[in-house]
PDB file of all heavy atoms in Angstrom:
ATOM      1  N   VAL A   1     -12.890  27.031   5.697  1.00  0.00           N
ATOM      2  CA  VAL A   1     -14.098  26.895   4.868  1.00  0.00           C
ATOM      3  C   VAL A   1     -15.291  27.510   5.578  1.00  0.00           C
ATOM      4  O   VAL A   1     -16.085  28.212   4.971  1.00  0.00           O
ATOM      5  CB  VAL A   1     -14.359  25.409   4.541  1.00  0.00           C
ATOM      6  CG1 VAL A   1     -15.672  25.230   3.819  1.00  0.00           C
ATOM      7  CG2 VAL A   1     -13.220  24.834   3.732  1.00  0.00           C
ATOM      8  N   GLY A   2     -15.432  27.254   6.847  1.00  0.00           N
ATOM      9  CA  GLY A   2     -16.552  27.771   7.622  1.00  0.00           C
ATOM     10  C   GLY A   2     -17.866  27.098   7.253  1.00  0.00           C
ATOM     11  O   GLY A   2     -17.955  26.351   6.270  1.00  0.00           O
ATOM     12  N   LEU A   3     -18.875  27.364   8.035  1.00  0.00           N
ATOM     13  CA  LEU A   3     -20.186  26.763   7.805  1.00  0.00           C
ATOM     14  C   LEU A   3     -20.794  27.250   6.491  1.00  0.00           C
ATOM     15  O   LEU A   3     -21.391  26.478   5.740  1.00  0.00           O
ATOM     16  CB  LEU A   3     -21.109  27.068   8.987  1.00  0.00           C
ATOM     17  CG  LEU A   3     -22.447  26.358   9.032  1.00  0.00           C
ATOM     18  CD1 LEU A   3     -22.292  24.843   8.895  1.00  0.00           C
ATOM     19  CD2 LEU A   3     -23.181  26.697  10.316  1.00  0.00           C
ATOM     20  N   GLY A   4     -20.603  28.529   6.183  1.00  0.00           N
ATOM     21  CA  GLY A   4     -21.107  29.063   4.914  1.00  0.00           C
ATOM     22  C   GLY A   4     -20.488  28.358   3.721  1.00  0.00           C
ATOM     23  O   GLY A   4     -21.159  28.008   2.749  1.00  0.00           O
ATOM     24  N   GLY A   5     -19.178  28.124   3.776  1.00  0.00           N
ATOM     25  CA  GLY A   5     -18.487  27.412   2.703  1.00  0.00           C
ATOM     26  C   GLY A   5     -18.940  25.977   2.581  1.00  0.00           C
ATOM     27  O   GLY A   5     -19.094  25.447   1.475  1.00  0.00           O
ATOM     28  N   LEU A   6     -19.178  25.331   3.721  1.00  0.00           N
ATOM     29  CA  LEU A   6     -19.684  23.955   3.687  1.00  0.00           C
ATOM     30  C   LEU A   6     -21.033  23.898   2.985  1.00  0.00           C
ATOM     31  O   LEU A   6     -21.287  23.001   2.173  1.00  0.00           O
ATOM     32  CB  LEU A   6     -19.807  23.397   5.103  1.00  0.00           C
ATOM     33  CG  LEU A   6     -20.455  22.009   5.202  1.00  0.00           C
ATOM     34  CD1 LEU A   6     -19.569  20.948   4.578  1.00  0.00           C
ATOM     35  CD2 LEU A   6     -20.785  21.657   6.640  1.00  0.00           C
ATOM     36  N   LEU A   7     -21.886  24.858   3.283  1.00  0.00           N
ATOM     37  CA  LEU A   7     -23.218  24.852   2.664  1.00  0.00           C
ATOM     38  C   LEU A   7     -23.150  25.099   1.161  1.00  0.00           C
ATOM     39  O   LEU A   7     -23.899  24.473   0.397  1.00  0.00           O
ATOM     40  CB  LEU A   7     -24.121  25.876   3.346  1.00  0.00           C
ATOM     41  CG  LEU A   7     -24.495  25.511   4.795  1.00  0.00           C
ATOM     42  CD1 LEU A   7     -25.121  26.695   5.507  1.00  0.00           C
ATOM     43  CD2 LEU A   7     -25.414  24.309   4.834  1.00  0.00           C
ATOM     44  N   THR A   8     -22.262  25.970   0.713  1.00  0.00           N
ATOM     45  CA  THR A   8     -22.169  26.223  -0.732  1.00  0.00           C
ATOM     46  C   THR A   8     -21.430  25.102  -1.437  1.00  0.00           C
ATOM     47  O   THR A   8     -21.901  24.598  -2.458  1.00  0.00           O
ATOM     48  CB  THR A   8     -21.461  27.567  -1.036  1.00  0.00           C
ATOM     49  OG1 THR A   8     -20.183  27.581  -0.429  1.00  0.00           O
ATOM     50  CG2 THR A   8     -22.291  28.741  -0.573  1.00  0.00           C
ATOM     51  N   GLU A   9     -20.311  24.678  -0.893  1.00  0.00           N
ATOM     52  CA  GLU A   9     -19.492  23.664  -1.560  1.00  0.00           C
ATOM     53  C   GLU A   9     -19.993  22.242  -1.321  1.00  0.00           C
ATOM     54  O   GLU A   9     -19.937  21.407  -2.216  1.00  0.00           O
ATOM     55  CB  GLU A   9     -18.033  23.773  -1.099  1.00  0.00           C
ATOM     56  CG  GLU A   9     -17.386  25.094  -1.438  1.00  0.00           C
ATOM     57  CD  GLU A   9     -17.317  25.355  -2.934  1.00  0.00           C
ATOM     58  OE1 GLU A   9     -17.027  24.422  -3.697  1.00  0.00           O
ATOM     59  OE2 GLU A   9     -17.568  26.513  -3.336  1.00  0.00           O
ATOM     60  N   GLY A  10     -20.442  21.962  -0.120  1.00  0.00           N
ATOM     61  CA  GLY A  10     -20.836  20.599   0.220  1.00  0.00           C
ATOM     62  C   GLY A  10     -22.302  20.271   0.002  1.00  0.00           C
ATOM     63  O   GLY A  10     -22.663  19.118  -0.209  1.00  0.00           O
ATOM     64  N   TYR A  11     -23.149  21.282   0.074  1.00  0.00           N
ATOM     65  CA  TYR A  11     -24.589  21.033  -0.046  1.00  0.00           C
ATOM     66  C   TYR A  11     -25.208  21.672  -1.277  1.00  0.00           C
ATOM     67  O   TYR A  11     -26.412  21.560  -1.495  1.00  0.00           O
ATOM     68  CB  TYR A  11     -25.310  21.514   1.223  1.00  0.00           C
ATOM     69  CG  TYR A  11     -25.058  20.622   2.405  1.00  0.00           C
ATOM     70  CD1 TYR A  11     -23.955  20.813   3.220  1.00  0.00           C
ATOM     71  CD2 TYR A  11     -25.907  19.552   2.690  1.00  0.00           C
ATOM     72  CE1 TYR A  11     -23.699  19.976   4.288  1.00  0.00           C
ATOM     73  CE2 TYR A  11     -25.657  18.713   3.755  1.00  0.00           C
ATOM     74  CZ  TYR A  11     -24.547  18.926   4.553  1.00  0.00           C
ATOM     75  OH  TYR A  11     -24.304  18.086   5.605  1.00  0.00           O
ATOM     76  N   GLY A  12     -24.425  22.384  -2.058  1.00  0.00           N
ATOM     77  CA  GLY A  12     -24.935  22.949  -3.304  1.00  0.00           C
ATOM     78  C   GLY A  12     -25.879  24.121  -3.135  1.00  0.00           C
ATOM     79  O   GLY A  12     -26.747  24.355  -3.964  1.00  0.00           O
ATOM     80  N   ILE A  13     -25.706  24.884  -2.059  1.00  0.00           N
ATOM     81  CA  ILE A  13     -26.516  26.084  -1.857  1.00  0.00           C
ATOM     82  C   ILE A  13     -25.845  27.224  -2.638  1.00  0.00           C
ATOM     83  O   ILE A  13     -24.629  27.378  -2.601  1.00  0.00           O
ATOM     84  CB  ILE A  13     -26.600  26.468  -0.358  1.00  0.00           C
ATOM     85  CG1 ILE A  13     -27.027  25.272   0.506  1.00  0.00           C
ATOM     86  CG2 ILE A  13     -27.512  27.664  -0.153  1.00  0.00           C
ATOM     87  CD1 ILE A  13     -28.389  24.719   0.221  1.00  0.00           C
ATOM     88  N   ALA A  14     -26.642  28.016  -3.327  1.00  0.00           N
ATOM     89  CA  ALA A  14     -26.098  29.123  -4.120  1.00  0.00           C
ATOM     90  C   ALA A  14     -25.403  30.134  -3.211  1.00  0.00           C
ATOM     91  O   ALA A  14     -25.902  30.459  -2.126  1.00  0.00           O
ATOM     92  CB  ALA A  14     -27.211  29.807  -4.908  1.00  0.00           C
ATOM     93  N   GLU A  15     -24.276  30.633  -3.667  1.00  0.00           N
ATOM     94  CA  GLU A  15     -23.533  31.643  -2.917  1.00  0.00           C
ATOM     95  C   GLU A  15     -24.415  32.857  -2.627  1.00  0.00           C
ATOM     96  O   GLU A  15     -24.355  33.424  -1.539  1.00  0.00           O
ATOM     97  CB  GLU A  15     -22.281  32.058  -3.696  1.00  0.00           C
ATOM     98  CG  GLU A  15     -21.484  33.154  -3.028  1.00  0.00           C
ATOM     99  CD  GLU A  15     -20.943  32.783  -1.656  1.00  0.00           C
ATOM    100  OE1 GLU A  15     -20.533  31.631  -1.454  1.00  0.00           O
ATOM    101  OE2 GLU A  15     -20.949  33.665  -0.770  1.00  0.00           O
ATOM    102  N   ALA A  16     -25.259  33.232  -3.586  1.00  0.00           N
ATOM    103  CA  ALA A  16     -26.136  34.396  -3.405  1.00  0.00           C
ATOM    104  C   ALA A  16     -27.110  34.183  -2.244  1.00  0.00           C
ATOM    105  O   ALA A  16     -27.515  35.142  -1.577  1.00  0.00           O
ATOM    106  CB  ALA A  16     -26.915  34.677  -4.691  1.00  0.00           C
ATOM    107  N   GLU A  17     -27.476  32.937  -1.978  1.00  0.00           N
ATOM    108  CA  GLU A  17     -28.393  32.659  -0.871  1.00  0.00           C
ATOM    109  C   GLU A  17     -27.663  32.630   0.469  1.00  0.00           C
ATOM    110  O   GLU A  17     -28.203  33.025   1.496  1.00  0.00           O
ATOM    111  CB  GLU A  17     -29.130  31.333  -1.110  1.00  0.00           C
ATOM    112  CG  GLU A  17     -30.231  31.108  -0.117  1.00  0.00           C
ATOM    113  CD  GLU A  17     -31.236  30.056  -0.547  1.00  0.00           C
ATOM    114  OE1 GLU A  17     -31.135  29.511  -1.660  1.00  0.00           O
ATOM    115  OE2 GLU A  17     -32.137  29.779   0.262  1.00  0.00           O
ATOM    116  N   VAL A  18     -26.426  32.175   0.455  1.00  0.00           N
ATOM    117  CA  VAL A  18     -25.648  32.084   1.694  1.00  0.00           C
ATOM    118  C   VAL A  18     -25.048  33.435   2.081  1.00  0.00           C
ATOM    119  O   VAL A  18     -24.917  33.750   3.269  1.00  0.00           O
ATOM    120  CB  VAL A  18     -24.538  31.009   1.553  1.00  0.00           C
ATOM    121  CG1 VAL A  18     -23.592  31.031   2.737  1.00  0.00           C
ATOM    122  CG2 VAL A  18     -25.157  29.628   1.390  1.00  0.00           C
ATOM    123  N   ALA A  19     -24.703  34.259   1.098  1.00  0.00           N
ATOM    124  CA  ALA A  19     -23.987  35.521   1.342  1.00  0.00           C
ATOM    125  C   ALA A  19     -24.596  36.385   2.439  1.00  0.00           C
ATOM    126  O   ALA A  19     -23.870  36.845   3.334  1.00  0.00           O
ATOM    127  CB  ALA A  19     -23.850  36.307   0.038  1.00  0.00           C
ATOM    128  N   PRO A  20     -25.925  36.631   2.452  1.00  0.00           N
ATOM    129  CA  PRO A  20     -26.466  37.490   3.512  1.00  0.00           C
ATOM    130  C   PRO A  20     -26.373  36.872   4.912  1.00  0.00           C
ATOM    131  O   PRO A  20     -26.455  37.573   5.907  1.00  0.00           O
ATOM    132  CB  PRO A  20     -27.936  37.684   3.130  1.00  0.00           C
ATOM    133  CG  PRO A  20     -28.122  37.086   1.782  1.00  0.00           C
ATOM    134  CD  PRO A  20     -26.928  36.267   1.467  1.00  0.00           C
ATOM    135  N   LEU A  21     -26.189  35.547   4.973  1.00  0.00           N
ATOM    136  CA  LEU A  21     -26.130  34.849   6.263  1.00  0.00           C
ATOM    137  C   LEU A  21     -24.710  34.457   6.660  1.00  0.00           C
ATOM    138  O   LEU A  21     -24.493  33.942   7.757  1.00  0.00           O
ATOM    139  CB  LEU A  21     -26.970  33.564   6.187  1.00  0.00           C
ATOM    140  CG  LEU A  21     -28.428  33.692   5.764  1.00  0.00           C
ATOM    141  CD1 LEU A  21     -29.033  32.329   5.509  1.00  0.00           C
ATOM    142  CD2 LEU A  21     -29.209  34.432   6.835  1.00  0.00           C
ATOM    143  N   ARG A  22     -23.745  34.672   5.751  1.00  0.00           N
ATOM    144  CA  ARG A  22     -22.398  34.129   5.949  1.00  0.00           C
ATOM    145  C   ARG A  22     -21.775  34.550   7.280  1.00  0.00           C
ATOM    146  O   ARG A  22     -21.231  33.711   8.004  1.00  0.00           O
ATOM    147  CB  ARG A  22     -21.485  34.496   4.799  1.00  0.00           C
ATOM    148  CG  ARG A  22     -20.116  33.823   4.928  1.00  0.00           C
ATOM    149  CD  ARG A  22     -19.250  34.034   3.714  1.00  0.00           C
ATOM    150  NE  ARG A  22     -19.754  33.376   2.534  1.00  0.00           N
ATOM    151  CZ  ARG A  22     -19.583  32.082   2.247  1.00  0.00           C
ATOM    152  NH1 ARG A  22     -18.947  31.297   3.098  1.00  0.00           N
ATOM    153  NH2 ARG A  22     -20.050  31.572   1.123  1.00  0.00           N
ATOM    154  N   ALA A  23     -21.839  35.800   7.637  1.00  0.00           N
ATOM    155  CA  ALA A  23     -21.214  36.256   8.884  1.00  0.00           C
ATOM    156  C   ALA A  23     -21.833  35.540  10.082  1.00  0.00           C
ATOM    157  O   ALA A  23     -21.116  35.088  10.984  1.00  0.00           O
ATOM    158  CB  ALA A  23     -21.356  37.772   9.029  1.00  0.00           C
ATOM    159  N   ARG A  24     -23.144  35.430  10.084  1.00  0.00           N
ATOM    160  CA  ARG A  24     -23.832  34.741  11.182  1.00  0.00           C
ATOM    161  C   ARG A  24     -23.486  33.254  11.205  1.00  0.00           C
ATOM    162  O   ARG A  24     -23.220  32.682  12.266  1.00  0.00           O
ATOM    163  CB  ARG A  24     -25.343  34.943  11.053  1.00  0.00           C
ATOM    164  CG  ARG A  24     -26.094  34.478  12.290  1.00  0.00           C
ATOM    165  CD  ARG A  24     -27.550  34.861  12.221  1.00  0.00           C
ATOM    166  NE  ARG A  24     -28.301  33.645  11.923  1.00  0.00           N
ATOM    167  CZ  ARG A  24     -29.480  33.602  11.364  1.00  0.00           C
ATOM    168  NH1 ARG A  24     -30.073  34.706  10.995  1.00  0.00           N
ATOM    169  NH2 ARG A  24     -30.090  32.483  11.162  1.00  0.00           N
ATOM    170  N   LEU A  25     -23.484  32.619  10.024  1.00  0.00           N
ATOM    171  CA  LEU A  25     -23.169  31.188   9.942  1.00  0.00           C
ATOM    172  C   LEU A  25     -21.736  30.914  10.388  1.00  0.00           C
ATOM    173  O   LEU A  25     -21.477  29.979  11.151  1.00  0.00           O
ATOM    174  CB  LEU A  25     -23.375  30.672   8.517  1.00  0.00           C
ATOM    175  CG  LEU A  25     -24.808  30.600   8.010  1.00  0.00           C
ATOM    176  CD1 LEU A  25     -24.841  30.332   6.517  1.00  0.00           C
ATOM    177  CD2 LEU A  25     -25.593  29.531   8.756  1.00  0.00           C
ATOM    178  N   ASP A  26     -20.805  31.717   9.896  1.00  0.00           N
ATOM    179  CA  ASP A  26     -19.405  31.486  10.209  1.00  0.00           C
ATOM    180  C   ASP A  26     -19.052  31.851  11.650  1.00  0.00           C
ATOM    181  O   ASP A  26     -17.999  31.455  12.151  1.00  0.00           O
ATOM    182  CB  ASP A  26     -18.511  32.234   9.216  1.00  0.00           C
ATOM    183  CG  ASP A  26     -18.579  31.606   7.821  1.00  0.00           C
ATOM    184  OD1 ASP A  26     -19.069  30.458   7.701  1.00  0.00           O
ATOM    185  OD2 ASP A  26     -18.156  32.269   6.853  1.00  0.00           O
ATOM    186  N   ALA A  27     -19.929  32.570  12.336  1.00  0.00           N
ATOM    187  CA  ALA A  27     -19.697  32.910  13.741  1.00  0.00           C
ATOM    188  C   ALA A  27     -20.142  31.784  14.683  1.00  0.00           C
ATOM    189  O   ALA A  27     -19.793  31.792  15.862  1.00  0.00           O
ATOM    190  CB  ALA A  27     -20.432  34.203  14.096  1.00  0.00           C
ATOM    191  N   ILE A  28     -20.883  30.821  14.176  1.00  0.00           N
ATOM    192  CA  ILE A  28     -21.376  29.718  15.012  1.00  0.00           C
ATOM    193  C   ILE A  28     -20.205  28.839  15.425  1.00  0.00           C
ATOM    194  O   ILE A  28     -19.416  28.406  14.591  1.00  0.00           O
ATOM    195  CB  ILE A  28     -22.452  28.897  14.263  1.00  0.00           C
ATOM    196  CG1 ILE A  28     -23.694  29.755  14.039  1.00  0.00           C
ATOM    197  CG2 ILE A  28     -22.792  27.621  15.030  1.00  0.00           C
ATOM    198  CD1 ILE A  28     -24.758  29.090  13.177  1.00  0.00           C
ATOM    199  N   ARG A  29     -20.088  28.565  16.715  1.00  0.00           N
ATOM    200  CA  ARG A  29     -19.019  27.722  17.252  1.00  0.00           C
ATOM    201  C   ARG A  29     -19.552  26.407  17.798  1.00  0.00           C
ATOM    202  O   ARG A  29     -18.783  25.469  17.995  1.00  0.00           O
ATOM    203  CB  ARG A  29     -18.251  28.458  18.355  1.00  0.00           C
ATOM    204  CG  ARG A  29     -17.454  29.603  17.849  1.00  0.00           C
ATOM    205  CD  ARG A  29     -16.242  29.127  17.043  1.00  0.00           C
ATOM    206  NE  ARG A  29     -16.010  30.007  15.915  1.00  0.00           N
ATOM    207  CZ  ARG A  29     -16.004  29.629  14.639  1.00  0.00           C
ATOM    208  NH1 ARG A  29     -16.212  28.404  14.307  1.00  0.00           N
ATOM    209  NH2 ARG A  29     -15.764  30.486  13.672  1.00  0.00           N
ATOM    210  N   ASP A  30     -20.841  26.324  18.093  1.00  0.00           N
ATOM    211  CA  ASP A  30     -21.416  25.074  18.581  1.00  0.00           C
ATOM    212  C   ASP A  30     -21.773  24.189  17.392  1.00  0.00           C
ATOM    213  O   ASP A  30     -21.908  24.654  16.263  1.00  0.00           O
ATOM    214  CB  ASP A  30     -22.675  25.349  19.414  1.00  0.00           C
ATOM    215  CG  ASP A  30     -22.358  26.020  20.739  1.00  0.00           C
ATOM    216  OD1 ASP A  30     -21.275  25.748  21.294  1.00  0.00           O
ATOM    217  OD2 ASP A  30     -23.186  26.827  21.208  1.00  0.00           O
ATOM    218  N   SER A  31     -21.945  22.905  17.648  1.00  0.00           N
ATOM    219  CA  SER A  31     -22.316  21.970  16.590  1.00  0.00           C
ATOM    220  C   SER A  31     -23.666  22.341  16.003  1.00  0.00           C
ATOM    221  O   SER A  31     -24.511  22.943  16.671  1.00  0.00           O
ATOM    222  CB  SER A  31     -22.384  20.543  17.142  1.00  0.00           C
ATOM    223  OG  SER A  31     -21.104  20.116  17.556  1.00  0.00           O
ATOM    224  N   VAL A  32     -23.842  21.986  14.737  1.00  0.00           N
ATOM    225  CA  VAL A  32     -25.113  22.220  14.062  1.00  0.00           C
ATOM    226  C   VAL A  32     -25.623  20.900  13.491  1.00  0.00           C
ATOM    227  O   VAL A  32     -24.856  19.982  13.216  1.00  0.00           O
ATOM    228  CB  VAL A  32     -25.006  23.268  12.932  1.00  0.00           C
ATOM    229  CG1 VAL A  32     -24.668  24.637  13.482  1.00  0.00           C
ATOM    230  CG2 VAL A  32     -24.013  22.849  11.881  1.00  0.00           C
ATOM    231  N   LEU A  33     -26.932  20.849  13.322  1.00  0.00           N
ATOM    232  CA  LEU A  33     -27.590  19.720  12.668  1.00  0.00           C
ATOM    233  C   LEU A  33     -28.060  20.230  11.315  1.00  0.00           C
ATOM    234  O   LEU A  33     -28.777  21.224  11.237  1.00  0.00           O
ATOM    235  CB  LEU A  33     -28.792  19.241  13.497  1.00  0.00           C
ATOM    236  CG  LEU A  33     -29.675  18.167  12.859  1.00  0.00           C
ATOM    237  CD1 LEU A  33     -28.922  16.848  12.727  1.00  0.00           C
ATOM    238  CD2 LEU A  33     -30.944  17.968  13.690  1.00  0.00           C
ATOM    239  N   ILE A  34     -27.635  19.553  10.246  1.00  0.00           N
ATOM    240  CA  ILE A  34     -28.049  19.923   8.893  1.00  0.00           C
ATOM    241  C   ILE A  34     -28.969  18.821   8.392  1.00  0.00           C
ATOM    242  O   ILE A  34     -28.582  17.650   8.338  1.00  0.00           O
ATOM    243  CB  ILE A  34     -26.828  20.100   7.967  1.00  0.00           C
ATOM    244  CG1 ILE A  34     -25.897  21.179   8.538  1.00  0.00           C
ATOM    245  CG2 ILE A  34     -27.277  20.456   6.557  1.00  0.00           C
ATOM    246  CD1 ILE A  34     -24.588  21.336   7.785  1.00  0.00           C
ATOM    247  N   VAL A  35     -30.201  19.207   8.064  1.00  0.00           N
ATOM    248  CA  VAL A  35     -31.222  18.242   7.661  1.00  0.00           C
ATOM    249  C   VAL A  35     -31.639  18.523   6.221  1.00  0.00           C
ATOM    250  O   VAL A  35     -32.162  19.597   5.914  1.00  0.00           O
ATOM    251  CB  VAL A  35     -32.463  18.325   8.587  1.00  0.00           C
ATOM    252  CG1 VAL A  35     -33.492  17.281   8.206  1.00  0.00           C
ATOM    253  CG2 VAL A  35     -32.056  18.167  10.046  1.00  0.00           C
TER     254      VAL A  35
END
């Protein structure tokens, strides 16, 4: 799923908004804080 998928599927972020960031988001290996 990756972080990008979590944001679209779990948090209701539009795919169009996540798409430009997906590679960067999915490359993150350290924990993240989602607020």
